[in-house]
Every structure is written in C-alpha cells, then in structure tokens.
Amino acid sequence: MSTIRDQRSRAAAVLHRFSRTTAAMLLLVVVAGSVALEVASSGSFFEGPSVRVFLQYLATPILIGLAQMVALCVGQLNLAVGALGGFTACLTGVLMADHGVPAVVAVPVGLLTATAVGLVTGVVIVATQINGFIVTLATMTILLGAQYRLVGTRTVDGYSATLRDLGTAAPLDIPLVFVTAIIAAVLLGGFMYRTVAGRRLLAAGGNPLAARLSGISTNRQIVAAHTLSGLLVGVAAVTATAALPGVNRSVGGDWLLPSFAAPIIGGVALTGGSIAVFGTVLAAFVTRLIDAARAQFSLDPSWVNLLIGLVVLGTVAGGHLNQTRLAKTTPSPQPGGAR
C-alpha cells in the first residue's frame, strides 16, 4: 500500500509542477481553441479531412520552430531559416524535375545541402566573431538570390510522384509529414536532454564562461547548433516539397516569424541555455489554430501575423519583466559571506 501511495504522491507532485509550466498553459489553449473551432465550424473541424489538412500544414511550423530553438539555446539567432528552407525545397524540386534525379538521391542531397549551409554559417560566425544576427542576415540574402536563380518566376511541379504520394499520405487521417515532424521533435528532445553533446549545447548557451572553464568549447557548440538547425530546416524543406503541389520562389517566405514564435511562446529564453521541445510543438499548434480561425472567419491574412507578432512581443516583454522582478527580490550576497 505504501508503494502505491508513494507512486500516487509522486504523480501528483509531477502533475502539480506541470500545471505551473508554460506547456500546461499552451496545452489548455490548444484544447480550448480546438473546441471553439469545432463549435464555430458546426462540427466539421474534427472531421477526417479537416484534421488531415490541419496536421499536414502543422508539420512545417513545428520543424522550423525546432530549428530556431536549437539556435536560441546557444544564444544565437537564425534569420536564414525561411531562405534556407525555400532554397532547399527549390533545389530538391529542380534536381528531380529538371535533371531527372530520383527522389532517393535528391532528398539526401537537399538535407546535406541545408546541413552544410548551417555548418558554414556557424564556422563564419566563429571565425569572424561577427554577431550571428548579421551573418544569418547575409546568409538569408544570399540564399534568396540563389533560390531565385534556381526557379526564377516559374513553379516547379514535375517531380517525383512517389514523393508526392508520401507527402499527401495520411493513414487514419494522420499525415506522414506530421508524423515526421513529431519524430524529429522526439529525437531532438532525446538528444538535448539525454546525450552529453546536447547538454554541452545547453551549458554553452546558459553560461559561456562556466562552460569554457569546464573545458567545453563554446565556439564548437555554436557551430554544432547552426549545423543541427540547418538539418532541421532541411527536413522542413523536404516535407514541404512533398506536401506542396509545386515549389517556387515564395516557398519559405513566410517562415521567419513562425520560426521565432513557436520557441519563444513555448518558453525558450532568448538569452540561451534553455529549450522547450514540448512547448515549441504546442506553440506551433497555437499558431496553426490562429491560422485556421482566420480561414474559418474569412479574416485578412495580415491579422494572423499581427496577432502572432503581438503574442511574441508580449511573451518576450513578460519574460523580461519577470527576470527583472526576480533580480530585485533576490537578496544580494553580503561582503565576506553570510554567517
């Protein structure tokens, strides 16, 4: 009996701690928002086709949010998320449609290219000691030009039918692209929380000086973070290529704001040293619900970006105010140490 009581008390303690987290609040918002859309749509929101479309277009916000989260965990920003995703998607499509490269080759090439761009970005930041904001802004500009060079004003749509089938496949109305995003989130969470390499990334972002004194190379962690971020953007680009009817220069153009919105709303600090995989996934759900509500009520698409931007700004401001309050309430150490 005591064992059962201990298990129940531990479960109650865990549930109590979770109820006070950002993830719990976001989970409540997701449930409430889904119910509200179900009522507003007269019961059609939870029908198979609606669920399938909703989840299919949720995969990209999850993946780009995770990609941005990895950069944020070491105190970096990745402004090239959208441009890299668009370039990778167009490169993959052009290889298949224009050059006859099979999907089993084009997809790995796309993933490797995105990963390599992330690696080079990290190396440039470390080698030049230029702020990552500036380097990724320059990378974004270069990639936008490269994307336009690849496709110009046309839409590339004559690529692998097998890849298209995988992109639209949805057994039990659960799209495979959404499953891919969830698997990526689980693997990323396991890597960050359970491996030495993941903990080094968090240590380098949380306290660079302490990390260096512990023998952890912060420069190496910055390169690793941008490389992993590039890989996740590559996965997002491949899933988008598979799910979309065609790729053109507009792909990735609207990825930047959602890539920041998901991790920031999910509870990731801009100062580095923290991640929130579950919170980021839930925040991506919230942004997708906002977009679904916009479609349901025929609102102007600009309202979606306005609302998401306000939520992000409010989240950042709230976090800053909370840190300021904690700093004021924390007693300063006494000279010579407290007795």
Foldseek 3Di string as FASTA:
>chain_A
DVVVVVVVVVVVVVVVVVCPALLVVLVVVLVVLQVVVCVLVVNCCPDLVNLLVLLLVLLLLLLLLVLQQLLLQLLAGAQQLLLLLQLLLLQLLCCFQVVVDANVPSLVVSLVVLLVLLLVLLVCCLVVVDGSVVSNVVVNVVSLVSQCVRFPADWRQPGDPVLLCLLSDAVVSRRPSSVVSVVVLVVLVCCLPPDPLNVLLLVNLVDVVVSVVVVRDSSVSSSVSSSVSSSSSSSSSSSCSNNDNTGGSCGSVPNRLSNLLLFLSLPRDSSHNDGRSSSSSSSSSVLSSLVVVCVSVVHDPVVSSVVSVVSSVVSNVVVVVVVVVVVVPDDDADPPGDD
